Amino acid sequence: MRNFRRPAYAALTAMGCVLLADAALAQNAKLQTVSAEWEQRFDGAPQAARMPKTSVPILSQQTAMSSEAGLQQYIQIEAAGGWPTMPDGPVLKLGTRSPDVRILRERLLVSGDLPVNAGDPTVFDSYVDAAVKRFQARHGLIVNGAVGPDSRAAMNVPASMRRHQLETSLARLATLTKKIEERFVMVNIPAAQIEAVSGGMVDLRHTAVVGKIDRQSPQLAVKIQEVNFNPYWTVPTSIIRKDLIPKMQQEPDYLAKNKIRIFTQKGEELQPEQVNWNSNEAMGYRFTQDPGDLNSMGSIRLNMPNKDGVYMHDTPSKGLFGENNRFHSSGCVRVQNVRELVDWLLRPTPGWDRQQVDAAIRSGKRIDAKLSAPVPVHWVYITAWADAEGIVQFRDDIYNMDGVGQLASADMSQMPYDQSYGAQPAGQAH
């Protein structure tokens, strides 16, 4: 990997950053801004900026074409020497005065997030604040304007790796977009994001929680056939072995507290004290969690038969949706605001308007709603793409499907953090 070369950077600024700065100015003109009051006057730039929301799906020819243009941009950035490395240090935020801010400005300028501007180069002013928020939005981070460990790590991924991610994702998009259904659901695993698409437009977007590194969510293309309200949860064998048995060894009342019942293969119910938890005896039993607030699937399960035994569902752990790293499940996909998605899925099905959906959940009873027309669902792995506005998005290669882990190990001086890549999927999970 190349080190950042200041002469190349100077050449870019001398040319007015023809490609990058113009792109940044054009794109930032489309950002929604919010004004603020100042205790100190740094400049007159807006305090906050949010990315424009596009209705163009990731799985579309338009996204593929925009991504091709984005690739050319990053090829030029790499050829010019890339960007500087952000050093470790305290959190940088609005009002900070530090030599590190000068490096931060250079980093954001090269990637097109910060247009050329005057002012004290060592002060984190509102121009820098808006540029950091733009960068965070493009990389799927919490948009707070503070440059902490997560933002520094994303900024320090070399341009060569970003270029590689775009090339790899473009190849996947070329295959995935050959035949696109009129109505479908897409889960982008590394982005932990869901799109509900009809007529070539995104109707809904949902934040998701997907599989851990050692219990990966699989790539698949199947159909959602049924909505299960207030479902029972049958604990997968992988979770019995890895989680439930160790938990019972530590907390003998764990099953009772979580309303999980034990059944033999003949359907006879057992009490926890009848099982030897210091052996593998439990692997021969079926564990079922009753519907209710504690149920690991929440109040809704989307039934999508597949060989991996995974599905999409609600969750009682709502706080996980607000994290940068949303890789917590055992393979299944948890859906934020899942009722909105259920309403969208059942819209063509007679007898299932929003009132019926809400009534089914309130009943607390197990109710199944079969979709009149099963909806295709694609779980895909796209870590880099450009949206309809030409803004390039990146996500971590969390499962090392792009080979970013191998690229990083080739020159660790350009990747000063450990992503702990390379685990294998665990199959059926929640």
Protein backbone atom coordinates (compact mmCIF):
# COMPACT_ATOMS: atom_id res chain seq x y z
CA MET A 1 0.00 0.00 0.00
CA ARG A 2 1.25 3.53 -0.73
CA ASN A 3 1.87 6.08 1.95
CA PHE A 4 0.07 9.40 1.51
CA ARG A 5 2.19 11.70 -0.64
CA ARG A 6 1.95 15.42 0.17
CA PRO A 7 3.21 16.50 -3.32
CA ALA A 8 0.34 14.59 -4.91
CA TYR A 9 -2.07 16.22 -2.47
CA ALA A 10 -0.65 19.65 -3.28
CA ALA A 11 -1.07 18.96 -6.98
CA LEU A 12 -4.71 18.15 -6.42
CA THR A 13 -5.35 21.38 -4.52
CA ALA A 14 -3.40 23.41 -7.06
CA MET A 15 -5.68 22.09 -9.79
CA GLY A 16 -8.68 23.12 -7.72
CA CYS A 17 -9.32 19.45 -7.00
CA VAL A 18 -11.10 19.32 -10.31
CA LEU A 19 -12.86 16.04 -9.77
CA LEU A 20 -13.15 15.79 -6.02
CA ALA A 21 -13.89 19.31 -4.88
CA ASP A 22 -16.40 19.92 -7.69
CA ALA A 23 -18.12 16.66 -6.76
CA ALA A 24 -18.16 17.64 -3.11
CA LEU A 25 -19.61 21.08 -3.84
CA ALA A 26 -22.27 19.66 -6.12
CA GLN A 27 -23.21 16.94 -3.68
CA ASN A 28 -23.11 19.15 -0.59
CA ALA A 29 -25.50 21.53 -2.33
CA LYS A 30 -28.07 18.76 -2.08
CA LEU A 31 -27.56 18.16 1.63
CA GLN A 32 -30.22 19.27 4.08
CA THR A 33 -28.74 21.74 6.55
CA VAL A 34 -29.67 22.90 10.00
CA SER A 35 -28.46 26.24 11.35
CA ALA A 36 -27.12 26.69 14.87
CA GLU A 37 -26.25 29.30 17.47
CA TRP A 38 -22.60 29.68 18.38
CA GLU A 39 -20.79 30.33 21.61
CA GLN A 40 -17.76 31.12 19.46
CA ARG A 41 -17.84 32.23 15.84
CA PHE A 42 -15.72 29.87 13.74
CA ASP A 43 -17.42 30.55 10.41
CA GLY A 44 -20.87 30.75 8.88
CA ALA A 45 -21.18 27.17 7.63
CA PRO A 46 -24.12 25.00 8.71
CA GLN A 47 -23.67 22.95 11.87
CA ALA A 48 -25.15 19.72 10.58
CA ALA A 49 -25.64 18.00 7.25
CA ARG A 50 -27.54 14.89 6.33
CA MET A 51 -27.24 12.80 3.21
CA PRO A 52 -30.07 13.20 0.70
CA LYS A 53 -32.40 10.22 0.75
CA THR A 54 -32.70 8.43 -2.55
CA SER A 55 -35.56 6.22 -3.67
CA VAL A 56 -33.31 4.23 -6.02
CA PRO A 57 -32.73 0.65 -4.79
CA ILE A 58 -29.25 -0.75 -4.26
CA LEU A 59 -30.27 -3.64 -6.52
CA SER A 60 -30.80 -1.58 -9.67
CA GLN A 61 -29.10 -0.78 -12.94
CA GLN A 62 -28.93 2.88 -11.92
CA THR A 63 -26.95 2.05 -8.78
CA ALA A 64 -24.61 -0.14 -10.85
CA MET A 65 -23.96 2.74 -13.28
CA SER A 66 -23.43 5.27 -10.46
CA SER A 67 -21.04 2.83 -8.79
CA GLU A 68 -19.00 2.52 -11.97
CA ALA A 69 -18.54 6.31 -11.94
CA GLY A 70 -17.63 6.13 -8.25
CA LEU A 71 -15.01 3.51 -9.02
CA GLN A 72 -13.32 5.85 -11.48
CA GLN A 73 -13.19 8.53 -8.80
CA TYR A 74 -11.43 6.19 -6.36
CA ILE A 75 -9.03 4.94 -9.01
CA GLN A 76 -7.90 8.56 -9.42
CA ILE A 77 -7.63 9.06 -5.65
CA GLU A 78 -5.46 5.96 -5.35
CA ALA A 79 -3.29 7.01 -8.28
CA ALA A 80 -2.72 10.41 -6.64
CA GLY A 81 -1.39 8.78 -3.48
CA GLY A 82 -4.52 8.28 -1.43
CA TRP A 83 -5.17 10.18 1.77
CA PRO A 84 -3.29 10.83 5.02
CA THR A 85 -3.62 8.51 8.02
CA MET A 86 -5.43 9.86 11.04
CA PRO A 87 -3.27 9.37 14.15
CA ASP A 88 -4.65 7.98 17.40
CA GLY A 89 -5.77 10.59 19.85
CA PRO A 90 -8.69 12.09 21.75
CA VAL A 91 -12.09 12.62 20.17
CA LEU A 92 -12.13 15.55 17.75
CA LYS A 93 -15.34 17.58 17.60
CA LEU A 94 -16.74 21.02 16.91
CA GLY A 95 -14.58 23.65 18.61
CA THR A 96 -11.47 21.46 18.97
CA ARG A 97 -8.16 23.16 18.20
CA SER A 98 -5.44 20.59 17.39
CA PRO A 99 -2.74 19.82 14.79
CA ASP A 100 -4.75 16.63 14.10
CA VAL A 101 -7.53 18.81 12.67
CA ARG A 102 -5.19 19.83 9.84
CA ILE A 103 -4.75 16.14 8.94
CA LEU A 104 -8.50 15.60 9.27
CA ARG A 105 -9.18 18.43 6.83
CA GLU A 106 -6.75 16.95 4.30
CA ARG A 107 -8.34 13.50 4.70
CA LEU A 108 -11.86 14.83 4.11
CA LEU A 109 -10.77 17.03 1.22
CA VAL A 110 -9.21 14.15 -0.71
CA SER A 111 -12.35 12.00 -0.41
CA GLY A 112 -14.59 14.86 -1.52
CA ASP A 113 -16.36 15.33 1.80
CA LEU A 114 -14.87 18.77 2.50
CA PRO A 115 -14.76 21.48 -0.17
CA VAL A 116 -11.76 23.81 -0.26
CA ASN A 117 -12.34 26.57 2.29
CA ALA A 118 -10.47 29.28 4.16
CA GLY A 119 -10.08 29.52 7.92
CA ASP A 120 -7.73 28.29 10.62
CA PRO A 121 -6.62 24.82 9.46
CA THR A 122 -6.13 23.62 13.06
CA VAL A 123 -9.68 24.49 14.19
CA PHE A 124 -12.57 22.00 13.96
CA ASP A 125 -15.10 24.50 12.62
CA SER A 126 -18.60 24.01 11.25
CA TYR A 127 -17.30 23.25 7.74
CA VAL A 128 -15.36 20.33 9.20
CA ASP A 129 -18.34 19.33 11.34
CA ALA A 130 -20.58 19.11 8.26
CA ALA A 131 -17.88 17.19 6.34
CA VAL A 132 -17.39 14.67 9.17
CA LYS A 133 -21.16 14.07 9.35
CA ARG A 134 -21.22 13.55 5.61
CA PHE A 135 -18.36 11.05 5.88
CA GLN A 136 -20.09 9.22 8.74
CA ALA A 137 -23.34 8.98 6.77
CA ARG A 138 -21.47 7.58 3.75
CA HIS A 139 -19.87 4.90 5.91
CA GLY A 140 -22.93 3.80 7.86
CA LEU A 141 -21.70 5.30 11.14
CA ILE A 142 -23.73 7.15 13.74
CA VAL A 143 -23.85 10.73 12.44
CA ASN A 144 -22.72 12.84 15.39
CA GLY A 145 -19.79 14.86 13.98
CA ALA A 146 -17.37 13.45 16.57
CA VAL A 147 -14.21 11.78 15.26
CA GLY A 148 -13.68 8.90 17.68
CA PRO A 149 -12.26 5.38 17.21
CA ASP A 150 -14.95 4.20 14.74
CA SER A 151 -14.63 7.23 12.47
CA ARG A 152 -10.82 7.16 12.64
CA ALA A 153 -10.82 3.48 11.70
CA ALA A 154 -13.07 4.12 8.69
CA MET A 155 -10.92 7.08 7.61
CA ASN A 156 -7.76 4.97 7.81
CA VAL A 157 -8.93 2.28 5.38
CA PRO A 158 -6.56 2.89 2.43
CA ALA A 159 -7.90 4.15 -0.90
CA SER A 160 -6.68 0.95 -2.55
CA MET A 161 -9.02 -1.10 -0.33
CA ARG A 162 -11.94 1.21 -1.05
CA ARG A 163 -11.24 0.86 -4.77
CA HIS A 164 -11.11 -2.92 -4.34
CA GLN A 165 -14.46 -2.92 -2.50
CA LEU A 166 -16.08 -0.99 -5.35
CA GLU A 167 -14.70 -3.40 -7.95
CA THR A 168 -15.91 -6.42 -5.99
CA SER A 169 -19.35 -4.97 -5.32
CA LEU A 170 -19.78 -3.97 -8.95
CA ALA A 171 -19.19 -7.57 -10.00
CA ARG A 172 -21.91 -8.71 -7.56
CA LEU A 173 -24.32 -6.00 -8.69
CA ALA A 174 -23.85 -7.05 -12.31
CA THR A 175 -25.09 -10.55 -11.41
CA LEU A 176 -27.81 -9.55 -8.96
CA THR A 177 -29.40 -6.94 -11.24
CA LYS A 178 -29.72 -9.13 -14.33
CA LYS A 179 -33.29 -9.98 -13.37
CA ILE A 180 -35.05 -7.79 -10.83
CA GLU A 181 -38.57 -8.55 -9.63
CA GLU A 182 -41.31 -5.93 -9.64
CA ARG A 183 -41.71 -6.25 -5.85
CA PHE A 184 -39.03 -7.56 -3.49
CA VAL A 185 -37.24 -7.16 -0.17
CA MET A 186 -33.46 -6.75 -0.02
CA VAL A 187 -31.23 -7.22 3.03
CA ASN A 188 -27.74 -5.81 2.56
CA ILE A 189 -25.83 -7.77 5.20
CA PRO A 190 -22.68 -5.60 5.68
CA ALA A 191 -24.83 -2.46 5.77
CA ALA A 192 -27.32 -4.11 8.16
CA GLN A 193 -30.05 -2.42 6.14
CA ILE A 194 -33.30 -3.53 4.51
CA GLU A 195 -35.10 -2.12 1.48
CA ALA A 196 -38.68 -2.89 0.44
CA VAL A 197 -38.90 -2.20 -3.29
CA SER A 198 -41.76 -1.98 -5.76
CA GLY A 199 -41.82 -0.64 -9.31
CA GLY A 200 -38.10 0.13 -9.21
CA MET A 201 -38.44 2.47 -6.21
CA VAL A 202 -37.68 2.03 -2.51
CA ASP A 203 -40.90 2.19 -0.51
CA LEU A 204 -39.35 1.46 2.90
CA ARG A 205 -35.92 1.31 4.50
CA HIS A 206 -35.29 -0.45 7.79
CA THR A 207 -32.28 -0.72 10.05
CA ALA A 208 -31.38 -4.35 10.74
CA VAL A 209 -29.29 -6.47 13.08
CA VAL A 210 -27.56 -9.35 11.28
CA GLY A 211 -25.30 -12.30 12.09
CA LYS A 212 -22.18 -12.16 14.22
CA ILE A 213 -18.83 -12.77 12.58
CA ASP A 214 -18.81 -16.34 13.88
CA ARG A 215 -22.53 -16.91 13.06
CA GLN A 216 -22.91 -15.27 9.70
CA SER A 217 -26.12 -14.42 7.91
CA PRO A 218 -26.04 -16.30 4.58
CA GLN A 219 -26.51 -14.86 1.12
CA LEU A 220 -29.75 -16.22 -0.31
CA ALA A 221 -32.69 -15.62 -2.66
CA VAL A 222 -35.99 -17.11 -1.46
CA LYS A 223 -39.56 -15.90 -0.83
CA ILE A 224 -41.40 -14.59 2.22
CA GLN A 225 -44.54 -16.70 2.31
CA GLU A 226 -46.14 -16.04 5.66
CA VAL A 227 -46.23 -13.67 8.61
CA ASN A 228 -46.34 -15.38 12.02
CA PHE A 229 -47.80 -13.22 14.78
CA ASN A 230 -46.82 -13.94 18.40
CA PRO A 231 -44.66 -16.91 17.36
CA TYR A 232 -43.17 -19.59 19.52
CA TRP A 233 -39.41 -19.78 19.16
CA THR A 234 -37.79 -23.19 18.80
CA VAL A 235 -34.19 -22.86 19.93
CA PRO A 236 -31.79 -24.04 17.18
CA THR A 237 -29.34 -26.79 18.07
CA SER A 238 -26.37 -24.45 17.54
CA ILE A 239 -27.70 -22.09 20.20
CA ILE A 240 -28.53 -24.97 22.58
CA ARG A 241 -24.90 -26.08 22.37
CA LYS A 242 -23.14 -22.70 22.34
CA ASP A 243 -25.40 -20.61 24.55
CA LEU A 244 -28.17 -22.40 26.40
CA ILE A 245 -26.21 -25.22 28.08
CA PRO A 246 -23.43 -22.88 29.36
CA LYS A 247 -26.11 -20.42 30.53
CA MET A 248 -27.94 -23.10 32.52
CA GLN A 249 -24.66 -24.15 34.16
CA GLN A 250 -24.27 -20.58 35.42
CA GLU A 251 -27.94 -19.68 36.03
CA PRO A 252 -30.15 -22.71 36.82
CA ASP A 253 -33.30 -20.55 36.66
CA TYR A 254 -32.48 -19.11 33.19
CA LEU A 255 -35.12 -21.16 31.35
CA ALA A 256 -37.85 -20.31 33.84
CA LYS A 257 -37.02 -16.59 33.76
CA ASN A 258 -37.15 -16.55 29.95
CA LYS A 259 -40.25 -18.77 29.62
CA ILE A 260 -38.41 -21.49 27.70
CA ARG A 261 -39.86 -24.99 28.02
CA ILE A 262 -38.22 -28.39 27.40
CA PHE A 263 -39.84 -31.22 25.42
CA THR A 264 -38.72 -34.73 24.56
CA GLN A 265 -38.91 -36.03 21.01
CA LYS A 266 -42.27 -37.58 21.99
CA GLY A 267 -43.64 -34.21 23.08
CA GLU A 268 -43.41 -34.81 26.82
CA GLU A 269 -42.54 -31.70 28.84
CA LEU A 270 -39.58 -31.88 31.20
CA GLN A 271 -38.52 -29.66 34.10
CA PRO A 272 -35.01 -28.12 34.04
CA GLU A 273 -33.93 -30.11 37.09
CA GLN A 274 -34.59 -33.34 35.16
CA VAL A 275 -31.76 -32.52 32.72
CA ASN A 276 -28.04 -33.08 33.33
CA TRP A 277 -26.60 -29.70 32.27
CA ASN A 278 -23.01 -30.89 32.71
CA SER A 279 -23.41 -33.19 29.69
CA ASN A 280 -24.77 -33.00 26.15
CA GLU A 281 -28.09 -34.55 27.20
CA ALA A 282 -29.92 -31.31 26.37
CA MET A 283 -28.96 -31.67 22.70
CA GLY A 284 -31.56 -34.43 22.39
CA TYR A 285 -34.46 -32.24 23.52
CA ARG A 286 -36.56 -29.50 21.95
CA PHE A 287 -36.58 -26.08 23.62
CA THR A 288 -39.49 -23.73 22.90
CA GLN A 289 -39.92 -20.15 24.09
CA ASP A 290 -43.51 -18.99 24.68
CA PRO A 291 -44.87 -15.90 22.89
CA GLY A 292 -44.60 -12.64 24.80
CA ASP A 293 -42.33 -9.72 25.58
CA LEU A 294 -39.35 -11.99 26.31
CA ASN A 295 -39.60 -13.98 23.09
CA SER A 296 -36.39 -13.71 21.07
CA MET A 297 -38.41 -13.09 17.91
CA GLY A 298 -40.54 -10.39 19.48
CA SER A 299 -44.10 -10.35 18.19
CA ILE A 300 -43.46 -11.14 14.51
CA ARG A 301 -41.62 -13.72 12.42
CA LEU A 302 -41.40 -13.60 8.62
CA ASN A 303 -41.52 -17.16 7.35
CA MET A 304 -39.18 -17.65 4.38
CA PRO A 305 -38.36 -21.36 3.96
CA ASN A 306 -34.68 -21.94 3.14
CA LYS A 307 -31.96 -24.53 3.62
CA ASP A 308 -30.13 -22.38 6.19
CA GLY A 309 -33.10 -22.22 8.55
CA VAL A 310 -32.88 -18.43 8.91
CA TYR A 311 -35.65 -15.85 8.86
CA MET A 312 -36.48 -12.21 9.60
CA HIS A 313 -38.14 -11.18 12.83
CA ASP A 314 -38.90 -8.61 15.50
CA THR A 315 -36.77 -8.41 18.67
CA PRO A 316 -37.17 -7.30 22.28
CA SER A 317 -33.61 -5.87 22.16
CA LYS A 318 -34.49 -2.58 20.45
CA GLY A 319 -31.36 -0.80 21.66
CA LEU A 320 -29.14 -2.77 19.26
CA PHE A 321 -30.53 -0.84 16.29
CA GLY A 322 -28.82 2.33 17.50
CA GLU A 323 -25.27 0.96 17.37
CA ASN A 324 -22.58 1.42 14.71
CA ASN A 325 -21.86 -2.32 14.81
CA ARG A 326 -25.12 -4.22 14.31
CA PHE A 327 -23.72 -7.75 14.03
CA HIS A 328 -25.27 -9.45 17.04
CA SER A 329 -27.61 -12.20 15.84
CA SER A 330 -26.94 -15.89 15.33
CA GLY A 331 -27.66 -15.70 11.60
CA CYS A 332 -31.21 -14.37 11.33
CA VAL A 333 -32.12 -10.75 10.59
CA ARG A 334 -33.83 -8.56 13.18
CA VAL A 335 -35.94 -5.77 11.70
CA GLN A 336 -36.47 -2.34 13.24
CA ASN A 337 -40.07 -1.06 12.96
CA VAL A 338 -41.05 -4.47 11.63
CA ARG A 339 -44.78 -3.64 11.69
CA GLU A 340 -44.26 -1.20 8.81
CA LEU A 341 -42.65 -3.96 6.75
CA VAL A 342 -45.44 -6.40 7.66
CA ASP A 343 -48.04 -3.86 6.57
CA TRP A 344 -46.19 -3.49 3.23
CA LEU A 345 -45.93 -7.27 2.76
CA LEU A 346 -49.61 -7.92 3.52
CA ARG A 347 -51.01 -4.94 1.61
CA PRO A 348 -52.10 -7.07 -1.40
CA THR A 349 -53.55 -9.78 0.88
CA PRO A 350 -57.31 -9.40 1.51
CA GLY A 351 -58.34 -9.02 5.15
CA TRP A 352 -54.98 -7.79 6.40
CA ASP A 353 -54.96 -4.01 6.71
CA ARG A 354 -53.01 -2.19 9.43
CA GLN A 355 -55.85 -2.52 11.93
CA GLN A 356 -55.92 -6.30 11.50
CA VAL A 357 -52.14 -6.45 11.90
CA ASP A 358 -52.28 -4.45 15.15
CA ALA A 359 -55.20 -6.54 16.43
CA ALA A 360 -53.32 -9.79 15.74
CA ILE A 361 -50.31 -8.58 17.72
CA ARG A 362 -52.44 -7.34 20.62
CA SER A 363 -54.24 -10.69 20.85
CA GLY A 364 -51.10 -12.38 22.11
CA LYS A 365 -52.18 -15.51 20.25
CA ARG A 366 -50.26 -17.40 17.58
CA ILE A 367 -51.82 -16.27 14.28
CA ASP A 368 -50.46 -16.97 10.78
CA ALA A 369 -51.14 -14.71 7.79
CA LYS A 370 -50.32 -16.30 4.45
CA LEU A 371 -49.30 -13.82 1.75
CA SER A 372 -51.59 -13.97 -1.28
CA ALA A 373 -48.45 -13.54 -3.41
CA PRO A 374 -45.11 -14.59 -1.84
CA VAL A 375 -42.57 -11.77 -1.93
CA PRO A 376 -39.00 -12.47 -3.14
CA VAL A 377 -36.32 -11.65 -0.59
CA HIS A 378 -32.61 -11.26 -1.36
CA TRP A 379 -29.94 -11.32 1.33
CA VAL A 380 -26.89 -9.84 -0.40
CA TYR A 381 -23.36 -8.75 0.44
CA ILE A 382 -22.60 -5.30 -1.01
CA THR A 383 -19.96 -3.26 0.83
CA ALA A 384 -19.58 -0.38 -1.65
CA TRP A 385 -21.93 1.42 -4.02
CA ALA A 386 -22.84 4.90 -5.26
CA ASP A 387 -26.37 6.21 -4.86
CA ALA A 388 -28.43 8.13 -7.40
CA GLU A 389 -26.79 11.39 -6.31
CA GLY A 390 -23.36 9.94 -7.13
CA ILE A 391 -22.39 9.77 -3.45
CA VAL A 392 -20.19 6.73 -2.76
CA GLN A 393 -21.15 4.58 0.24
CA PHE A 394 -18.90 2.10 2.06
CA ARG A 395 -19.47 -0.50 4.76
CA ASP A 396 -17.04 -2.77 6.60
CA ASP A 397 -16.19 -6.07 4.94
CA ILE A 398 -17.35 -7.67 8.17
CA TYR A 399 -17.28 -11.30 6.92
CA ASN A 400 -14.17 -10.79 4.76
CA MET A 401 -16.12 -11.68 1.62
CA ASP A 402 -14.22 -8.98 -0.30
CA GLY A 403 -10.79 -10.12 0.88
CA VAL A 404 -10.16 -6.81 2.64
CA GLY A 405 -8.72 -8.75 5.57
CA GLN A 406 -6.01 -10.25 3.34
CA LEU A 407 -5.27 -6.86 1.79
CA ALA A 408 -4.89 -5.37 5.25
CA SER A 409 -2.49 -8.07 6.41
CA ALA A 410 -0.25 -7.32 3.42
CA ASP A 411 0.61 -3.92 4.93
CA MET A 412 -0.61 -3.40 8.49
CA SER A 413 0.97 0.04 8.58
CA GLN A 414 -1.94 1.21 6.45
CA MET A 415 -4.60 -0.54 8.58
CA PRO A 416 -3.93 0.27 12.26
CA TYR A 417 -6.86 -1.63 13.69
CA ASP A 418 -8.06 -5.21 13.95
CA GLN A 419 -11.38 -6.21 12.40
CA SER A 420 -11.17 -9.85 13.57
CA TYR A 421 -12.25 -11.24 10.21
CA GLY A 422 -12.68 -14.71 8.87
CA ALA A 423 -15.21 -16.68 10.96
CA GLN A 424 -17.55 -19.20 9.42
CA PRO A 425 -21.36 -19.27 9.47
CA ALA A 426 -23.17 -21.27 12.08
CA GLY A 427 -26.39 -22.07 10.21
CA GLN A 428 -29.81 -21.91 11.80
CA ALA A 429 -30.12 -19.17 14.38
CA HIS A 430 -31.99 -16.07 15.41
